[in-house]
Amino acid sequence: MTEAWDAAVEAQIRGAVQRGEFDNLPGMGKPIPGKGAPYDESWWIKSFLEREALPSDLLLPTPLQLRRRIEQVPDEVRDLPTEQSVRDFVGQLNAQIVAWLRNPEGPRVVVRPVNADEVVRGWRAERDRRVAHTPAAEPATVAAPVRRPRRGWWLRWRRRG
């Protein structure tokens, strides 16, 4: 029975090849990805992250994710508009750090809360530097205001009649 099955499958494949159903498939003529590379047990995770365009930081344990976020704080707060928004951002990060410190899991990595005053100081210095290097804008010409009919003109018109 399996020989008959194999023969039927082979006949269908040969027929599809003759009809050209396998022509112009994506990847045709290209080498098989990963062929010749050493076996990687997490190949499917890496391919999923790449295919879905997800950051690989998601695979890190919590303390390492927190350390990476602490390193990125200056870049994260650079474009925030106010000092209060910078303090709020640091406060949220510190809340996550404290939550991890209360119940640590994963590798033992030193993670300390971020000093909000230092971050604000760096944010101000960066903002002042950007303002100093920004060329002064030319004064904008003021357009004449558009005249609109006075409110209630139709009420006065209706009362006449």
N, C-alpha and C. Protein backbone atom coordinates (compact mmCIF):
# COMPACT_ATOMS: atom_id res chain seq x y z
N MET A 1 0.81 -1.19 0.00
CA MET A 1 0.00 0.00 0.00
C MET A 1 0.86 1.26 0.00
N THR A 2 1.97 1.28 0.79
CA THR A 2 2.82 2.46 0.82
C THR A 2 3.52 2.66 -0.51
N GLU A 3 3.84 1.58 -1.23
CA GLU A 3 4.49 1.74 -2.53
C GLU A 3 3.52 2.39 -3.51
N ALA A 4 2.27 2.02 -3.47
CA ALA A 4 1.27 2.62 -4.35
C ALA A 4 1.09 4.10 -4.00
N TRP A 5 1.09 4.36 -2.71
CA TRP A 5 0.95 5.76 -2.25
C TRP A 5 2.14 6.59 -2.72
N ASP A 6 3.37 6.10 -2.52
CA ASP A 6 4.56 6.80 -2.96
C ASP A 6 4.54 7.03 -4.46
N ALA A 7 4.11 6.04 -5.23
CA ALA A 7 4.06 6.17 -6.69
C ALA A 7 3.05 7.24 -7.09
N ALA A 8 1.91 7.31 -6.40
CA ALA A 8 0.89 8.31 -6.72
C ALA A 8 1.40 9.72 -6.42
N VAL A 9 2.08 9.86 -5.30
CA VAL A 9 2.62 11.17 -4.92
C VAL A 9 3.70 11.60 -5.92
N GLU A 10 4.59 10.68 -6.27
CA GLU A 10 5.64 10.99 -7.24
C GLU A 10 5.04 11.38 -8.58
N ALA A 11 3.97 10.70 -9.00
CA ALA A 11 3.32 11.02 -10.27
C ALA A 11 2.73 12.43 -10.22
N GLN A 12 2.14 12.82 -9.10
CA GLN A 12 1.59 14.17 -8.99
C GLN A 12 2.69 15.22 -9.01
N ILE A 13 3.81 14.94 -8.35
CA ILE A 13 4.94 15.89 -8.35
C ILE A 13 5.49 16.04 -9.76
N ARG A 14 5.68 14.91 -10.46
CA ARG A 14 6.19 14.99 -11.85
C ARG A 14 5.23 15.79 -12.72
N GLY A 15 3.93 15.57 -12.57
CA GLY A 15 2.95 16.31 -13.37
C GLY A 15 3.01 17.81 -13.07
N ALA A 16 3.16 18.18 -11.79
CA ALA A 16 3.24 19.59 -11.42
C ALA A 16 4.50 20.22 -11.98
N VAL A 17 5.62 19.49 -11.99
CA VAL A 17 6.87 20.01 -12.55
C VAL A 17 6.70 20.23 -14.05
N GLN A 18 6.08 19.30 -14.73
CA GLN A 18 5.88 19.44 -16.18
C GLN A 18 4.95 20.60 -16.50
N ARG A 19 3.95 20.84 -15.67
CA ARG A 19 3.04 21.97 -15.90
C ARG A 19 3.69 23.30 -15.52
N GLY A 20 4.83 23.27 -14.82
CA GLY A 20 5.53 24.49 -14.44
C GLY A 20 5.01 25.13 -13.16
N GLU A 21 4.33 24.36 -12.33
CA GLU A 21 3.76 24.92 -11.10
C GLU A 21 4.82 25.26 -10.05
N PHE A 22 6.03 24.73 -10.21
CA PHE A 22 7.10 25.04 -9.26
C PHE A 22 8.02 26.14 -9.78
N ASP A 23 7.73 26.68 -10.95
CA ASP A 23 8.55 27.76 -11.49
C ASP A 23 8.20 29.08 -10.79
N ASN A 24 9.18 29.95 -10.69
CA ASN A 24 9.01 31.30 -10.13
C ASN A 24 8.52 31.30 -8.68
N LEU A 25 8.91 30.33 -7.91
CA LEU A 25 8.60 30.34 -6.49
C LEU A 25 9.58 31.26 -5.77
N PRO A 26 9.16 31.90 -4.66
CA PRO A 26 10.10 32.75 -3.93
C PRO A 26 11.27 31.92 -3.40
N GLY A 27 12.46 32.45 -3.57
CA GLY A 27 13.65 31.75 -3.11
C GLY A 27 14.23 30.81 -4.14
N MET A 28 13.62 30.72 -5.32
CA MET A 28 14.12 29.80 -6.34
C MET A 28 15.50 30.25 -6.81
N GLY A 29 16.43 29.34 -6.84
CA GLY A 29 17.79 29.64 -7.29
C GLY A 29 18.67 30.22 -6.20
N LYS A 30 18.11 30.46 -5.03
CA LYS A 30 18.88 31.02 -3.92
C LYS A 30 19.29 29.87 -2.99
N PRO A 31 20.42 30.03 -2.30
CA PRO A 31 20.84 28.97 -1.37
C PRO A 31 19.87 28.87 -0.20
N ILE A 32 19.80 27.70 0.38
CA ILE A 32 18.95 27.48 1.54
C ILE A 32 19.56 28.24 2.72
N PRO A 33 18.77 29.10 3.39
CA PRO A 33 19.33 29.88 4.50
C PRO A 33 19.84 28.96 5.61
N GLY A 34 21.02 29.25 6.10
CA GLY A 34 21.59 28.49 7.22
C GLY A 34 22.28 27.20 6.82
N LYS A 35 22.27 26.86 5.54
CA LYS A 35 22.93 25.62 5.13
C LYS A 35 24.44 25.79 5.29
N GLY A 36 25.06 24.87 5.93
CA GLY A 36 26.51 24.93 6.15
C GLY A 36 26.87 25.60 7.46
N ALA A 37 25.90 26.25 8.13
CA ALA A 37 26.16 26.88 9.43
C ALA A 37 25.98 25.83 10.52
N PRO A 38 26.66 26.02 11.64
CA PRO A 38 26.49 25.06 12.72
C PRO A 38 25.05 25.11 13.26
N TYR A 39 24.59 23.98 13.79
CA TYR A 39 23.22 23.89 14.28
C TYR A 39 23.02 24.82 15.47
N ASP A 40 21.94 25.58 15.44
CA ASP A 40 21.60 26.48 16.53
C ASP A 40 20.25 26.05 17.09
N GLU A 41 20.22 25.73 18.39
CA GLU A 41 18.99 25.23 18.99
C GLU A 41 17.87 26.26 18.98
N SER A 42 18.21 27.53 18.99
CA SER A 42 17.17 28.56 19.05
C SER A 42 16.97 29.24 17.69
N TRP A 43 17.19 28.49 16.61
CA TRP A 43 17.05 29.07 15.28
C TRP A 43 15.63 29.57 15.04
N TRP A 44 14.64 28.87 15.57
CA TRP A 44 13.25 29.26 15.30
C TRP A 44 12.89 30.53 16.04
N ILE A 45 13.46 30.75 17.23
CA ILE A 45 13.21 31.99 17.97
C ILE A 45 13.82 33.16 17.23
N LYS A 46 15.06 32.98 16.78
CA LYS A 46 15.74 34.05 16.05
C LYS A 46 15.02 34.38 14.75
N SER A 47 14.56 33.36 14.05
CA SER A 47 13.86 33.63 12.79
C SER A 47 12.52 34.31 13.05
N PHE A 48 11.85 33.95 14.15
CA PHE A 48 10.59 34.59 14.50
C PHE A 48 10.81 36.07 14.81
N LEU A 49 11.83 36.38 15.62
CA LEU A 49 12.12 37.76 15.97
C LEU A 49 12.46 38.58 14.73
N GLU A 50 13.22 37.98 13.84
CA GLU A 50 13.60 38.67 12.61
C GLU A 50 12.39 38.88 11.71
N ARG A 51 11.58 37.86 11.55
CA ARG A 51 10.41 37.94 10.67
C ARG A 51 9.39 38.95 11.18
N GLU A 52 9.19 39.00 12.49
CA GLU A 52 8.20 39.89 13.09
C GLU A 52 8.79 41.24 13.47
N ALA A 53 10.07 41.46 13.21
CA ALA A 53 10.77 42.71 13.51
C ALA A 53 10.63 43.08 14.99
N LEU A 54 10.84 42.12 15.87
CA LEU A 54 10.78 42.34 17.30
C LEU A 54 12.20 42.52 17.84
N PRO A 55 12.36 43.34 18.88
CA PRO A 55 13.70 43.50 19.45
C PRO A 55 14.14 42.25 20.19
N SER A 56 15.42 41.95 20.10
CA SER A 56 15.94 40.76 20.77
C SER A 56 16.05 40.95 22.27
N ASP A 57 15.84 42.18 22.75
CA ASP A 57 15.88 42.43 24.20
C ASP A 57 14.80 41.66 24.94
N LEU A 58 13.76 41.26 24.24
CA LEU A 58 12.67 40.52 24.89
C LEU A 58 13.14 39.19 25.44
N LEU A 59 14.25 38.67 24.92
CA LEU A 59 14.76 37.38 25.38
C LEU A 59 15.64 37.50 26.62
N LEU A 60 16.02 38.72 26.97
CA LEU A 60 16.91 38.91 28.12
C LEU A 60 16.14 38.72 29.43
N PRO A 61 16.83 38.26 30.48
CA PRO A 61 16.19 38.20 31.79
C PRO A 61 15.90 39.62 32.31
N THR A 62 14.97 39.72 33.23
CA THR A 62 14.51 41.02 33.72
C THR A 62 15.63 41.94 34.19
N PRO A 63 16.59 41.48 35.00
CA PRO A 63 17.62 42.44 35.45
C PRO A 63 18.45 43.00 34.29
N LEU A 64 18.69 42.20 33.28
CA LEU A 64 19.46 42.72 32.14
C LEU A 64 18.63 43.68 31.30
N GLN A 65 17.32 43.41 31.20
CA GLN A 65 16.44 44.37 30.51
C GLN A 65 16.44 45.71 31.24
N LEU A 66 16.38 45.65 32.58
CA LEU A 66 16.39 46.89 33.36
C LEU A 66 17.71 47.63 33.21
N ARG A 67 18.83 46.90 33.22
CA ARG A 67 20.14 47.55 33.03
C ARG A 67 20.21 48.24 31.67
N ARG A 68 19.69 47.58 30.64
CA ARG A 68 19.70 48.17 29.31
C ARG A 68 18.82 49.42 29.26
N ARG A 69 17.66 49.37 29.93
CA ARG A 69 16.78 50.55 29.96
C ARG A 69 17.46 51.69 30.70
N ILE A 70 18.20 51.39 31.78
CA ILE A 70 18.90 52.43 32.54
C ILE A 70 19.95 53.08 31.64
N GLU A 71 20.66 52.29 30.84
CA GLU A 71 21.67 52.84 29.93
C GLU A 71 21.04 53.74 28.88
N GLN A 72 19.80 53.46 28.49
CA GLN A 72 19.15 54.20 27.42
C GLN A 72 18.35 55.40 27.92
N VAL A 73 18.35 55.66 29.23
CA VAL A 73 17.55 56.76 29.78
C VAL A 73 17.87 58.10 29.12
N PRO A 74 19.16 58.50 28.95
CA PRO A 74 19.41 59.81 28.32
C PRO A 74 18.80 59.93 26.92
N ASP A 75 18.85 58.86 26.15
CA ASP A 75 18.25 58.90 24.81
C ASP A 75 16.73 58.93 24.89
N GLU A 76 16.15 58.24 25.87
CA GLU A 76 14.70 58.18 26.00
C GLU A 76 14.11 59.52 26.42
N VAL A 77 14.79 60.25 27.30
CA VAL A 77 14.23 61.50 27.82
C VAL A 77 14.61 62.71 26.98
N ARG A 78 15.50 62.55 26.03
CA ARG A 78 16.01 63.68 25.27
C ARG A 78 14.90 64.54 24.65
N ASP A 79 13.87 63.93 24.11
CA ASP A 79 12.84 64.68 23.41
C ASP A 79 11.60 64.95 24.25
N LEU A 80 11.64 64.63 25.53
CA LEU A 80 10.48 64.92 26.38
C LEU A 80 10.37 66.43 26.57
N PRO A 81 9.14 66.96 26.62
CA PRO A 81 8.96 68.42 26.59
C PRO A 81 9.22 69.13 27.90
N THR A 82 8.93 68.50 29.04
CA THR A 82 9.04 69.21 30.31
C THR A 82 9.85 68.41 31.33
N GLU A 83 10.29 69.13 32.35
CA GLU A 83 11.04 68.48 33.43
C GLU A 83 10.14 67.47 34.15
N GLN A 84 8.87 67.80 34.30
CA GLN A 84 7.95 66.88 34.98
C GLN A 84 7.79 65.58 34.20
N SER A 85 7.76 65.66 32.89
CA SER A 85 7.64 64.43 32.09
C SER A 85 8.90 63.58 32.23
N VAL A 86 10.06 64.22 32.37
CA VAL A 86 11.31 63.48 32.59
C VAL A 86 11.25 62.79 33.95
N ARG A 87 10.80 63.52 34.96
CA ARG A 87 10.70 62.92 36.30
C ARG A 87 9.68 61.77 36.32
N ASP A 88 8.59 61.93 35.58
CA ASP A 88 7.59 60.85 35.51
C ASP A 88 8.18 59.61 34.86
N PHE A 89 8.94 59.80 33.78
CA PHE A 89 9.57 58.67 33.10
C PHE A 89 10.51 57.93 34.04
N VAL A 90 11.35 58.70 34.74
CA VAL A 90 12.31 58.09 35.68
C VAL A 90 11.55 57.42 36.82
N GLY A 91 10.45 58.02 37.27
CA GLY A 91 9.66 57.43 38.34
C GLY A 91 9.07 56.09 37.94
N GLN A 92 8.58 55.99 36.70
CA GLN A 92 8.04 54.71 36.22
C GLN A 92 9.13 53.65 36.13
N LEU A 93 10.30 54.04 35.63
CA LEU A 93 11.41 53.10 35.55
C LEU A 93 11.84 52.65 36.94
N ASN A 94 11.93 53.60 37.87
CA ASN A 94 12.32 53.24 39.24
C ASN A 94 11.29 52.33 39.89
N ALA A 95 10.01 52.51 39.57
CA ALA A 95 8.98 51.62 40.11
C ALA A 95 9.20 50.19 39.62
N GLN A 96 9.58 50.03 38.36
CA GLN A 96 9.88 48.70 37.83
C GLN A 96 11.11 48.10 38.50
N ILE A 97 12.11 48.94 38.73
CA ILE A 97 13.34 48.46 39.38
C ILE A 97 13.05 48.02 40.81
N VAL A 98 12.29 48.83 41.54
CA VAL A 98 11.97 48.48 42.93
C VAL A 98 11.13 47.20 42.97
N ALA A 99 10.21 47.05 42.03
CA ALA A 99 9.40 45.82 41.99
C ALA A 99 10.29 44.60 41.77
N TRP A 100 11.30 44.74 40.91
CA TRP A 100 12.21 43.61 40.70
C TRP A 100 13.08 43.36 41.93
N LEU A 101 13.53 44.45 42.59
CA LEU A 101 14.36 44.28 43.79
C LEU A 101 13.61 43.59 44.92
N ARG A 102 12.30 43.79 44.98
CA ARG A 102 11.50 43.14 46.03
C ARG A 102 11.36 41.64 45.78
N ASN A 103 11.33 41.25 44.52
CA ASN A 103 11.18 39.84 44.18
C ASN A 103 12.11 39.51 43.02
N PRO A 104 13.42 39.45 43.28
CA PRO A 104 14.37 39.24 42.18
C PRO A 104 14.30 37.83 41.61
N GLU A 105 14.33 37.75 40.29
CA GLU A 105 14.46 36.46 39.62
C GLU A 105 15.46 36.64 38.50
N GLY A 106 16.03 35.54 38.10
CA GLY A 106 17.04 35.60 37.06
C GLY A 106 18.43 35.74 37.66
N PRO A 107 19.39 36.08 36.81
CA PRO A 107 20.77 36.19 37.29
C PRO A 107 20.91 37.34 38.28
N ARG A 108 21.86 37.20 39.17
CA ARG A 108 22.12 38.25 40.15
C ARG A 108 22.96 39.34 39.49
N VAL A 109 22.29 40.42 39.17
CA VAL A 109 22.92 41.56 38.53
C VAL A 109 22.59 42.78 39.37
N VAL A 110 23.58 43.64 39.58
CA VAL A 110 23.35 44.85 40.37
C VAL A 110 22.51 45.82 39.55
N VAL A 111 21.34 46.15 40.09
CA VAL A 111 20.45 47.12 39.46
C VAL A 111 20.00 48.07 40.55
N ARG A 112 20.28 49.36 40.35
CA ARG A 112 19.90 50.36 41.34
C ARG A 112 18.94 51.36 40.71
N PRO A 113 18.06 51.95 41.51
CA PRO A 113 17.16 52.98 40.97
C PRO A 113 17.95 54.15 40.39
N VAL A 114 17.33 54.83 39.45
CA VAL A 114 17.97 55.95 38.75
C VAL A 114 17.73 57.22 39.55
N ASN A 115 18.75 58.07 39.65
CA ASN A 115 18.63 59.35 40.34
C ASN A 115 17.95 60.34 39.40
N ALA A 116 16.74 60.74 39.73
CA ALA A 116 15.94 61.62 38.87
C ALA A 116 16.61 62.98 38.71
N ASP A 117 17.25 63.49 39.78
CA ASP A 117 17.88 64.81 39.69
C ASP A 117 19.03 64.81 38.68
N GLU A 118 19.82 63.74 38.66
CA GLU A 118 20.91 63.65 37.69
C GLU A 118 20.38 63.58 36.26
N VAL A 119 19.31 62.83 36.07
CA VAL A 119 18.73 62.71 34.73
C VAL A 119 18.19 64.06 34.28
N VAL A 120 17.53 64.79 35.19
CA VAL A 120 16.99 66.11 34.84
C VAL A 120 18.14 67.07 34.52
N ARG A 121 19.22 66.99 35.29
CA ARG A 121 20.38 67.85 35.02
C ARG A 121 20.93 67.58 33.62
N GLY A 122 21.08 66.31 33.26
CA GLY A 122 21.56 65.96 31.92
C GLY A 122 20.57 66.38 30.85
N TRP A 123 19.27 66.24 31.12
CA TRP A 123 18.23 66.64 30.16
C TRP A 123 18.29 68.14 29.91
N ARG A 124 18.46 68.93 31.00
CA ARG A 124 18.56 70.40 30.84
C ARG A 124 19.80 70.77 30.03
N ALA A 125 20.93 70.14 30.34
CA ALA A 125 22.17 70.45 29.62
C ALA A 125 22.01 70.14 28.13
N GLU A 126 21.41 69.00 27.81
CA GLU A 126 21.19 68.63 26.41
C GLU A 126 20.23 69.60 25.73
N ARG A 127 19.18 69.98 26.43
CA ARG A 127 18.21 70.93 25.86
C ARG A 127 18.87 72.29 25.62
N ASP A 128 19.66 72.77 26.59
CA ASP A 128 20.34 74.05 26.42
C ASP A 128 21.34 73.99 25.27
N ARG A 129 22.03 72.86 25.13
CA ARG A 129 22.98 72.71 24.03
C ARG A 129 22.27 72.75 22.68
N ARG A 130 21.12 72.09 22.59
CA ARG A 130 20.36 72.10 21.33
C ARG A 130 19.84 73.48 21.00
N VAL A 131 19.37 74.21 22.04
CA VAL A 131 18.85 75.56 21.82
C VAL A 131 19.98 76.49 21.37
N ALA A 132 21.17 76.32 21.94
CA ALA A 132 22.30 77.17 21.59
C ALA A 132 22.76 76.92 20.15
N HIS A 133 22.64 75.71 19.66
CA HIS A 133 23.08 75.39 18.30
C HIS A 133 22.00 75.56 17.26
N THR A 134 20.78 75.87 17.67
CA THR A 134 19.70 76.06 16.72
C THR A 134 19.75 77.50 16.22
N PRO A 135 19.79 77.71 14.89
CA PRO A 135 19.82 79.08 14.38
C PRO A 135 18.50 79.79 14.72
N ALA A 136 18.63 81.09 14.97
CA ALA A 136 17.45 81.88 15.31
C ALA A 136 16.49 81.92 14.13
N ALA A 137 15.26 81.71 14.42
CA ALA A 137 14.25 81.72 13.36
C ALA A 137 13.94 83.15 12.95
N GLU A 138 13.66 83.34 11.67
CA GLU A 138 13.30 84.67 11.19
C GLU A 138 11.92 85.00 11.70
N PRO A 139 11.69 86.29 12.00
CA PRO A 139 10.36 86.64 12.49
C PRO A 139 9.32 86.36 11.42
N ALA A 140 8.26 85.75 11.83
CA ALA A 140 7.21 85.41 10.88
C ALA A 140 6.38 86.65 10.56
N THR A 141 5.96 86.77 9.33
CA THR A 141 5.11 87.89 8.95
C THR A 141 3.71 87.60 9.45
N VAL A 142 3.10 88.60 10.01
CA VAL A 142 1.77 88.44 10.57
C VAL A 142 0.75 88.70 9.47
N ALA A 143 -0.09 87.73 9.24
CA ALA A 143 -1.12 87.87 8.22
C ALA A 143 -2.28 88.67 8.79
N ALA A 144 -2.92 89.43 7.93
CA ALA A 144 -4.07 90.22 8.36
C ALA A 144 -5.19 89.27 8.75
N PRO A 145 -5.89 89.57 9.83
CA PRO A 145 -6.97 88.69 10.26
C PRO A 145 -8.10 88.68 9.23
N VAL A 146 -8.73 87.55 9.13
CA VAL A 146 -9.84 87.39 8.20
C VAL A 146 -11.08 87.99 8.84
N ARG A 147 -11.77 88.87 8.10
CA ARG A 147 -12.99 89.48 8.64
C ARG A 147 -14.15 88.51 8.50
N ARG A 148 -14.83 88.32 9.58
CA ARG A 148 -15.99 87.46 9.57
C ARG A 148 -17.21 88.29 9.92
N PRO A 149 -18.35 87.88 9.44
CA PRO A 149 -19.55 88.64 9.79
C PRO A 149 -19.79 88.60 11.29
N ARG A 150 -20.36 89.67 11.79
CA ARG A 150 -20.62 89.72 13.22
C ARG A 150 -21.65 88.68 13.60
N ARG A 151 -21.54 88.23 14.82
CA ARG A 151 -22.47 87.23 15.31
C ARG A 151 -23.86 87.85 15.47
N GLY A 152 -24.82 87.04 15.21
CA GLY A 152 -26.18 87.46 15.45
C GLY A 152 -26.78 88.36 14.40
N TRP A 153 -26.09 88.59 13.28
CA TRP A 153 -26.63 89.49 12.25
C TRP A 153 -27.96 88.98 11.74
N TRP A 154 -28.12 87.66 11.67
CA TRP A 154 -29.37 87.12 11.15
C TRP A 154 -30.52 87.33 12.12
N LEU A 155 -30.18 87.39 13.44
CA LEU A 155 -31.23 87.68 14.42
C LEU A 155 -31.77 89.09 14.23
N ARG A 156 -30.86 90.05 14.05
CA ARG A 156 -31.29 91.43 13.84
C ARG A 156 -32.09 91.54 12.55
N TRP A 157 -31.70 90.83 11.53
CA TRP A 157 -32.39 90.87 10.24
C TRP A 157 -33.80 90.28 10.39
N ARG A 158 -33.91 89.16 11.18
CA ARG A 158 -35.20 88.52 11.37
C ARG A 158 -36.16 89.41 12.15
N ARG A 159 -35.63 90.18 13.08
CA ARG A 159 -36.49 91.02 13.91
C ARG A 159 -37.11 92.17 13.11
N ARG A 160 -36.42 92.58 12.06
CA ARG A 160 -36.94 93.69 11.25
C ARG A 160 -38.25 93.29 10.57
N GLY A 161 -38.32 92.07 10.09
CA GLY A 161 -39.41 91.64 9.23
C GLY A 161 -40.64 91.31 9.94
